[in-house]
Amino acid sequence: MSGAVISLRVDGAQMERLKTLAERTGRPMSFYVREALDAHLEEIEYVYQLEAEAEAVRRGELQTIGLSELRSRLGLED
């Protein structure tokens, strides 16, 4: 497998957990770091996208509609 190399600083507790897991399973620690990235990177990207969109709304760059208009469009009027 080829790929880029990154340097990562973790605290002592994280390192011990990672070492223990690697020893117990016979997999390299880097495998679990990649697994964690795969599991959470999309969710982190999503959070930052939501924050960017919320900021764009605050700046008036995105059109929004009120709750009553949304209810009307969805046919949820009382």
PDB file of N, CA and C in Angstrom:
ATOM      1  N   MET A   1       0.848  -1.178   0.000  1.00  0.00           N
ATOM      2  CA  MET A   1       0.000   0.000   0.000  1.00  0.00           C
ATOM      3  C   MET A   1       0.889   1.235   0.000  1.00  0.00           C
ATOM      4  N   SER A   2       0.624   2.144  -0.899  1.00  0.00           N
ATOM      5  CA  SER A   2       1.387   3.385  -0.909  1.00  0.00           C
ATOM      6  C   SER A   2       0.487   4.509  -0.449  1.00  0.00           C
ATOM      7  N   GLY A   3       1.063   5.515   0.110  1.00  0.00           N
ATOM      8  CA  GLY A   3       0.289   6.650   0.578  1.00  0.00           C
ATOM      9  C   GLY A   3       1.206   7.663   1.218  1.00  0.00           C
ATOM     10  N   ALA A   4       0.615   8.733   1.630  1.00  0.00           N
ATOM     11  CA  ALA A   4       1.363   9.799   2.283  1.00  0.00           C
ATOM     12  C   ALA A   4       1.632   9.432   3.739  1.00  0.00           C
ATOM     13  N   VAL A   5       2.674  10.007   4.263  1.00  0.00           N
ATOM     14  CA  VAL A   5       3.037   9.790   5.659  1.00  0.00           C
ATOM     15  C   VAL A   5       2.727  11.058   6.423  1.00  0.00           C
ATOM     16  N   ILE A   6       2.087  10.902   7.601  1.00  0.00           N
ATOM     17  CA  ILE A   6       1.826  12.049   8.464  1.00  0.00           C
ATOM     18  C   ILE A   6       2.430  11.782   9.830  1.00  0.00           C
ATOM     19  N   SER A   7       2.688  12.835  10.536  1.00  0.00           N
ATOM     20  CA  SER A   7       3.190  12.737  11.898  1.00  0.00           C
ATOM     21  C   SER A   7       2.049  13.106  12.830  1.00  0.00           C
ATOM     22  N   LEU A   8       1.896  12.357  13.905  1.00  0.00           N
ATOM     23  CA  LEU A   8       0.766  12.547  14.799  1.00  0.00           C
ATOM     24  C   LEU A   8       1.228  12.458  16.243  1.00  0.00           C
ATOM     25  N   ARG A   9       0.863  13.445  17.046  1.00  0.00           N
ATOM     26  CA  ARG A   9       1.205  13.431  18.461  1.00  0.00           C
ATOM     27  C   ARG A   9      -0.039  13.009  19.251  1.00  0.00           C
ATOM     28  N   VAL A  10       0.084  11.967  20.061  1.00  0.00           N
ATOM     29  CA  VAL A  10      -1.011  11.498  20.904  1.00  0.00           C
ATOM     30  C   VAL A  10      -0.562  11.532  22.359  1.00  0.00           C
ATOM     31  N   ASP A  11      -1.539  11.568  23.263  1.00  0.00           N
ATOM     32  CA  ASP A  11      -1.158  11.562  24.676  1.00  0.00           C
ATOM     33  C   ASP A  11      -0.802  10.140  25.113  1.00  0.00           C
ATOM     34  N   GLY A  12      -0.251  10.034  26.301  1.00  0.00           N
ATOM     35  CA  GLY A  12       0.232   8.743  26.802  1.00  0.00           C
ATOM     36  C   GLY A  12      -0.848   7.679  26.882  1.00  0.00           C
ATOM     37  N   ALA A  13      -2.032   8.063  27.322  1.00  0.00           N
ATOM     38  CA  ALA A  13      -3.126   7.097  27.455  1.00  0.00           C
ATOM     39  C   ALA A  13      -3.556   6.573  26.093  1.00  0.00           C
ATOM     40  N   GLN A  14      -3.634   7.458  25.123  1.00  0.00           N
ATOM     41  CA  GLN A  14      -4.008   7.026  23.773  1.00  0.00           C
ATOM     42  C   GLN A  14      -2.960   6.076  23.207  1.00  0.00           C
ATOM     43  N   MET A  15      -1.703   6.393  23.429  1.00  0.00           N
ATOM     44  CA  MET A  15      -0.619   5.556  22.910  1.00  0.00           C
ATOM     45  C   MET A  15      -0.665   4.167  23.531  1.00  0.00           C
ATOM     46  N   GLU A  16      -0.895   4.109  24.822  1.00  0.00           N
ATOM     47  CA  GLU A  16      -0.964   2.814  25.502  1.00  0.00           C
ATOM     48  C   GLU A  16      -2.136   1.988  24.985  1.00  0.00           C
ATOM     49  N   ARG A  17      -3.278   2.628  24.800  1.00  0.00           N
ATOM     50  CA  ARG A  17      -4.436   1.909  24.273  1.00  0.00           C
ATOM     51  C   ARG A  17      -4.160   1.389  22.874  1.00  0.00           C
ATOM     52  N   LEU A  18      -3.537   2.221  22.060  1.00  0.00           N
ATOM     53  CA  LEU A  18      -3.206   1.835  20.691  1.00  0.00           C
ATOM     54  C   LEU A  18      -2.209   0.675  20.675  1.00  0.00           C
ATOM     55  N   LYS A  19      -1.180   0.758  21.513  1.00  0.00           N
ATOM     56  CA  LYS A  19      -0.180  -0.320  21.597  1.00  0.00           C
ATOM     57  C   LYS A  19      -0.828  -1.622  22.050  1.00  0.00           C
ATOM     58  N   THR A  20      -1.659  -1.538  23.063  1.00  0.00           N
ATOM     59  CA  THR A  20      -2.320  -2.730  23.597  1.00  0.00           C
ATOM     60  C   THR A  20      -3.193  -3.379  22.534  1.00  0.00           C
ATOM     61  N   LEU A  21      -3.968  -2.567  21.833  1.00  0.00           N
ATOM     62  CA  LEU A  21      -4.829  -3.085  20.781  1.00  0.00           C
ATOM     63  C   LEU A  21      -4.009  -3.743  19.681  1.00  0.00           C
ATOM     64  N   ALA A  22      -2.938  -3.098  19.283  1.00  0.00           N
ATOM     65  CA  ALA A  22      -2.077  -3.631  18.222  1.00  0.00           C
ATOM     66  C   ALA A  22      -1.455  -4.961  18.648  1.00  0.00           C
ATOM     67  N   GLU A  23      -0.972  -5.029  19.873  1.00  0.00           N
ATOM     68  CA  GLU A  23      -0.359  -6.266  20.369  1.00  0.00           C
ATOM     69  C   GLU A  23      -1.385  -7.392  20.470  1.00  0.00           C
ATOM     70  N   ARG A  24      -2.569  -7.055  20.946  1.00  0.00           N
ATOM     71  CA  ARG A  24      -3.617  -8.048  21.131  1.00  0.00           C
ATOM     72  C   ARG A  24      -4.107  -8.627  19.805  1.00  0.00           C
ATOM     73  N   THR A  25      -4.096  -7.814  18.765  1.00  0.00           N
ATOM     74  CA  THR A  25      -4.658  -8.251  17.484  1.00  0.00           C
ATOM     75  C   THR A  25      -3.609  -8.617  16.446  1.00  0.00           C
ATOM     76  N   GLY A  26      -2.363  -8.250  16.701  1.00  0.00           N
ATOM     77  CA  GLY A  26      -1.315  -8.540  15.730  1.00  0.00           C
ATOM     78  C   GLY A  26      -1.306  -7.609  14.529  1.00  0.00           C
ATOM     79  N   ARG A  27      -2.044  -6.530  14.610  1.00  0.00           N
ATOM     80  CA  ARG A  27      -2.059  -5.538  13.526  1.00  0.00           C
ATOM     81  C   ARG A  27      -1.186  -4.358  13.936  1.00  0.00           C
ATOM     82  N   PRO A  28      -0.662  -3.620  12.956  1.00  0.00           N
ATOM     83  CA  PRO A  28       0.142  -2.444  13.302  1.00  0.00           C
ATOM     84  C   PRO A  28      -0.746  -1.310  13.837  1.00  0.00           C
ATOM     85  N   MET A  29      -0.152  -0.458  14.646  1.00  0.00           N
ATOM     86  CA  MET A  29      -0.890   0.681  15.187  1.00  0.00           C
ATOM     87  C   MET A  29      -1.423   1.562  14.071  1.00  0.00           C
ATOM     88  N   SER A  30      -0.671   1.687  12.999  1.00  0.00           N
ATOM     89  CA  SER A  30      -1.110   2.534  11.890  1.00  0.00           C
ATOM     90  C   SER A  30      -2.435   2.051  11.295  1.00  0.00           C
ATOM     91  N   PHE A  31      -2.686   0.756  11.345  1.00  0.00           N
ATOM     92  CA  PHE A  31      -3.953   0.215  10.855  1.00  0.00           C
ATOM     93  C   PHE A  31      -5.116   0.851  11.624  1.00  0.00           C
ATOM     94  N   TYR A  32      -4.987   0.945  12.932  1.00  0.00           N
ATOM     95  CA  TYR A  32      -6.073   1.479  13.754  1.00  0.00           C
ATOM     96  C   TYR A  32      -6.208   2.991  13.629  1.00  0.00           C
ATOM     97  N   VAL A  33      -5.111   3.670  13.377  1.00  0.00           N
ATOM     98  CA  VAL A  33      -5.193   5.110  13.130  1.00  0.00           C
ATOM     99  C   VAL A  33      -5.962   5.348  11.829  1.00  0.00           C
ATOM    100  N   ARG A  34      -5.666   4.566  10.796  1.00  0.00           N
ATOM    101  CA  ARG A  34      -6.409   4.685   9.531  1.00  0.00           C
ATOM    102  C   ARG A  34      -7.880   4.313   9.725  1.00  0.00           C
ATOM    103  N   GLU A  35      -8.146   3.275  10.511  1.00  0.00           N
ATOM    104  CA  GLU A  35      -9.531   2.887  10.788  1.00  0.00           C
ATOM    105  C   GLU A  35     -10.294   4.027  11.470  1.00  0.00           C
ATOM    106  N   ALA A  36      -9.650   4.680  12.439  1.00  0.00           N
ATOM    107  CA  ALA A  36     -10.294   5.802  13.137  1.00  0.00           C
ATOM    108  C   ALA A  36     -10.557   6.952  12.172  1.00  0.00           C
ATOM    109  N   LEU A  37      -9.606   7.237  11.306  1.00  0.00           N
ATOM    110  CA  LEU A  37      -9.804   8.290  10.305  1.00  0.00           C
ATOM    111  C   LEU A  37     -10.970   7.947   9.379  1.00  0.00           C
ATOM    112  N   ASP A  38     -10.986   6.718   8.901  1.00  0.00           N
ATOM    113  CA  ASP A  38     -12.068   6.300   8.018  1.00  0.00           C
ATOM    114  C   ASP A  38     -13.424   6.412   8.702  1.00  0.00           C
ATOM    115  N   ALA A  39     -13.471   6.058   9.970  1.00  0.00           N
ATOM    116  CA  ALA A  39     -14.732   6.043  10.698  1.00  0.00           C
ATOM    117  C   ALA A  39     -15.248   7.441  11.011  1.00  0.00           C
ATOM    118  N   HIS A  40     -14.357   8.413  11.189  1.00  0.00           N
ATOM    119  CA  HIS A  40     -14.797   9.710  11.695  1.00  0.00           C
ATOM    120  C   HIS A  40     -14.540  10.902  10.786  1.00  0.00           C
ATOM    121  N   LEU A  41     -13.730  10.759   9.776  1.00  0.00           N
ATOM    122  CA  LEU A  41     -13.393  11.897   8.922  1.00  0.00           C
ATOM    123  C   LEU A  41     -14.623  12.461   8.213  1.00  0.00           C
ATOM    124  N   GLU A  42     -15.482  11.583   7.707  1.00  0.00           N
ATOM    125  CA  GLU A  42     -16.683  12.057   7.020  1.00  0.00           C
ATOM    126  C   GLU A  42     -17.581  12.853   7.966  1.00  0.00           C
ATOM    127  N   GLU A  43     -17.714  12.382   9.176  1.00  0.00           N
ATOM    128  CA  GLU A  43     -18.557  13.083  10.148  1.00  0.00           C
ATOM    129  C   GLU A  43     -17.959  14.446  10.534  1.00  0.00           C
ATOM    130  N   ILE A  44     -16.656  14.524  10.655  1.00  0.00           N
ATOM    131  CA  ILE A  44     -16.000  15.796  10.966  1.00  0.00           C
ATOM    132  C   ILE A  44     -16.162  16.772   9.798  1.00  0.00           C
ATOM    133  N   GLU A  45     -15.997  16.268   8.572  1.00  0.00           N
ATOM    134  CA  GLU A  45     -16.198  17.115   7.391  1.00  0.00           C
ATOM    135  C   GLU A  45     -17.627  17.653   7.352  1.00  0.00           C
ATOM    136  N   TYR A  46     -18.587  16.807   7.703  1.00  0.00           N
ATOM    137  CA  TYR A  46     -19.995  17.205   7.708  1.00  0.00           C
ATOM    138  C   TYR A  46     -20.245  18.327   8.712  1.00  0.00           C
ATOM    139  N   VAL A  47     -19.678  18.209   9.897  1.00  0.00           N
ATOM    140  CA  VAL A  47     -19.844  19.234  10.927  1.00  0.00           C
ATOM    141  C   VAL A  47     -19.285  20.565  10.435  1.00  0.00           C
ATOM    142  N   TYR A  48     -18.112  20.553   9.839  1.00  0.00           N
ATOM    143  CA  TYR A  48     -17.524  21.794   9.341  1.00  0.00           C
ATOM    144  C   TYR A  48     -18.343  22.380   8.193  1.00  0.00           C
ATOM    145  N   GLN A  49     -18.921  21.522   7.348  1.00  0.00           N
ATOM    146  CA  GLN A  49     -19.781  22.009   6.267  1.00  0.00           C
ATOM    147  C   GLN A  49     -21.024  22.679   6.847  1.00  0.00           C
ATOM    148  N   LEU A  50     -21.624  22.070   7.863  1.00  0.00           N
ATOM    149  CA  LEU A  50     -22.790  22.677   8.511  1.00  0.00           C
ATOM    150  C   LEU A  50     -22.441  24.031   9.128  1.00  0.00           C
ATOM    151  N   GLU A  51     -21.280  24.118   9.765  1.00  0.00           N
ATOM    152  CA  GLU A  51     -20.851  25.384  10.358  1.00  0.00           C
ATOM    153  C   GLU A  51     -20.661  26.450   9.277  1.00  0.00           C
ATOM    154  N   ALA A  52     -20.090  26.060   8.153  1.00  0.00           N
ATOM    155  CA  ALA A  52     -19.877  27.010   7.052  1.00  0.00           C
ATOM    156  C   ALA A  52     -21.216  27.482   6.490  1.00  0.00           C
ATOM    157  N   GLU A  53     -22.164  26.563   6.355  1.00  0.00           N
ATOM    158  CA  GLU A  53     -23.484  26.944   5.855  1.00  0.00           C
ATOM    159  C   GLU A  53     -24.212  27.851   6.838  1.00  0.00           C
ATOM    160  N   ALA A  54     -24.105  27.560   8.133  1.00  0.00           N
ATOM    161  CA  ALA A  54     -24.744  28.413   9.137  1.00  0.00           C
ATOM    162  C   ALA A  54     -24.152  29.816   9.093  1.00  0.00           C
ATOM    163  N   GLU A  55     -22.858  29.908   8.914  1.00  0.00           N
ATOM    164  CA  GLU A  55     -22.199  31.215   8.815  1.00  0.00           C
ATOM    165  C   GLU A  55     -22.666  31.955   7.566  1.00  0.00           C
ATOM    166  N   ALA A  56     -22.837  31.237   6.459  1.00  0.00           N
ATOM    167  CA  ALA A  56     -23.330  31.852   5.224  1.00  0.00           C
ATOM    168  C   ALA A  56     -24.757  32.365   5.409  1.00  0.00           C
ATOM    169  N   VAL A  57     -25.574  31.644   6.154  1.00  0.00           N
ATOM    170  CA  VAL A  57     -26.935  32.103   6.458  1.00  0.00           C
ATOM    171  C   VAL A  57     -26.867  33.389   7.268  1.00  0.00           C
ATOM    172  N   ARG A  58     -26.010  33.414   8.285  1.00  0.00           N
ATOM    173  CA  ARG A  58     -25.875  34.616   9.121  1.00  0.00           C
ATOM    174  C   ARG A  58     -25.422  35.825   8.311  1.00  0.00           C
ATOM    175  N   ARG A  59     -24.601  35.592   7.293  1.00  0.00           N
ATOM    176  CA  ARG A  59     -24.132  36.683   6.439  1.00  0.00           C
ATOM    177  C   ARG A  59     -25.161  37.047   5.369  1.00  0.00           C
ATOM    178  N   GLY A  60     -26.249  36.295   5.306  1.00  0.00           N
ATOM    179  CA  GLY A  60     -27.281  36.565   4.320  1.00  0.00           C
ATOM    180  C   GLY A  60     -26.957  36.051   2.933  1.00  0.00           C
ATOM    181  N   GLU A  61     -26.045  35.119   2.829  1.00  0.00           N
ATOM    182  CA  GLU A  61     -25.621  34.591   1.539  1.00  0.00           C
ATOM    183  C   GLU A  61     -26.452  33.398   1.072  1.00  0.00           C
ATOM    184  N   LEU A  62     -27.226  32.810   1.974  1.00  0.00           N
ATOM    185  CA  LEU A  62     -28.086  31.691   1.611  1.00  0.00           C
ATOM    186  C   LEU A  62     -29.532  32.061   1.892  1.00  0.00           C
ATOM    187  N   GLN A  63     -30.392  31.703   0.960  1.00  0.00           N
ATOM    188  CA  GLN A  63     -31.808  31.993   1.141  1.00  0.00           C
ATOM    189  C   GLN A  63     -32.399  30.965   2.115  1.00  0.00           C
ATOM    190  N   THR A  64     -33.249  31.444   3.006  1.00  0.00           N
ATOM    191  CA  THR A  64     -33.926  30.565   3.949  1.00  0.00           C
ATOM    192  C   THR A  64     -35.422  30.830   3.890  1.00  0.00           C
ATOM    193  N   ILE A  65     -36.182  29.933   4.477  1.00  0.00           N
ATOM    194  CA  ILE A  65     -37.621  30.153   4.598  1.00  0.00           C
ATOM    195  C   ILE A  65     -38.013  29.933   6.052  1.00  0.00           C
ATOM    196  N   GLY A  66     -39.105  30.543   6.455  1.00  0.00           N
ATOM    197  CA  GLY A  66     -39.576  30.398   7.815  1.00  0.00           C
ATOM    198  C   GLY A  66     -40.282  29.062   8.027  1.00  0.00           C
ATOM    199  N   LEU A  67     -40.509  28.735   9.291  1.00  0.00           N
ATOM    200  CA  LEU A  67     -41.151  27.475   9.638  1.00  0.00           C
ATOM    201  C   LEU A  67     -42.563  27.389   9.058  1.00  0.00           C
ATOM    202  N   SER A  68     -43.312  28.483   9.116  1.00  0.00           N
ATOM    203  CA  SER A  68     -44.683  28.439   8.592  1.00  0.00           C
ATOM    204  C   SER A  68     -44.679  28.176   7.083  1.00  0.00           C
ATOM    205  N   GLU A  69     -43.744  28.760   6.360  1.00  0.00           N
ATOM    206  CA  GLU A  69     -43.637  28.509   4.917  1.00  0.00           C
ATOM    207  C   GLU A  69     -43.263  27.053   4.656  1.00  0.00           C
ATOM    208  N   LEU A  70     -42.345  26.514   5.426  1.00  0.00           N
ATOM    209  CA  LEU A  70     -41.935  25.116   5.272  1.00  0.00           C
ATOM    210  C   LEU A  70     -43.114  24.178   5.525  1.00  0.00           C
ATOM    211  N   ARG A  71     -43.849  24.438   6.610  1.00  0.00           N
ATOM    212  CA  ARG A  71     -45.035  23.622   6.913  1.00  0.00           C
ATOM    213  C   ARG A  71     -46.035  23.680   5.764  1.00  0.00           C
ATOM    214  N   SER A  72     -46.216  24.848   5.195  1.00  0.00           N
ATOM    215  CA  SER A  72     -47.139  25.023   4.078  1.00  0.00           C
ATOM    216  C   SER A  72     -46.683  24.229   2.865  1.00  0.00           C
ATOM    217  N   ARG A  73     -45.408  24.319   2.549  1.00  0.00           N
ATOM    218  CA  ARG A  73     -44.857  23.593   1.384  1.00  0.00           C
ATOM    219  C   ARG A  73     -44.992  22.090   1.547  1.00  0.00           C
ATOM    220  N   LEU A  74     -44.895  21.635   2.795  1.00  0.00           N
ATOM    221  CA  LEU A  74     -44.975  20.192   3.060  1.00  0.00           C
ATOM    222  C   LEU A  74     -46.404  19.717   3.288  1.00  0.00           C
ATOM    223  N   GLY A  75     -47.352  20.645   3.245  1.00  0.00           N
ATOM    224  CA  GLY A  75     -48.740  20.283   3.468  1.00  0.00           C
ATOM    225  C   GLY A  75     -49.047  19.948   4.912  1.00  0.00           C
ATOM    226  N   LEU A  76     -48.347  20.568   5.831  1.00  0.00           N
ATOM    227  CA  LEU A  76     -48.511  20.275   7.250  1.00  0.00           C
ATOM    228  C   LEU A  76     -49.251  21.401   7.974  1.00  0.00           C
ATOM    229  N   GLU A  77     -50.004  22.175   7.252  1.00  0.00           N
ATOM    230  CA  GLU A  77     -50.721  23.275   7.874  1.00  0.00           C
ATOM    231  C   GLU A  77     -51.824  22.741   8.752  1.00  0.00           C
ATOM    232  N   ASP A  78     -52.079  23.462   9.827  1.00  0.00           N
ATOM    233  CA  ASP A  78     -53.163  23.063  10.753  1.00  0.00           C
ATOM    234  C   ASP A  78     -54.512  23.462  10.232  1.00  0.00           C
TER     235      ASP A  78
END
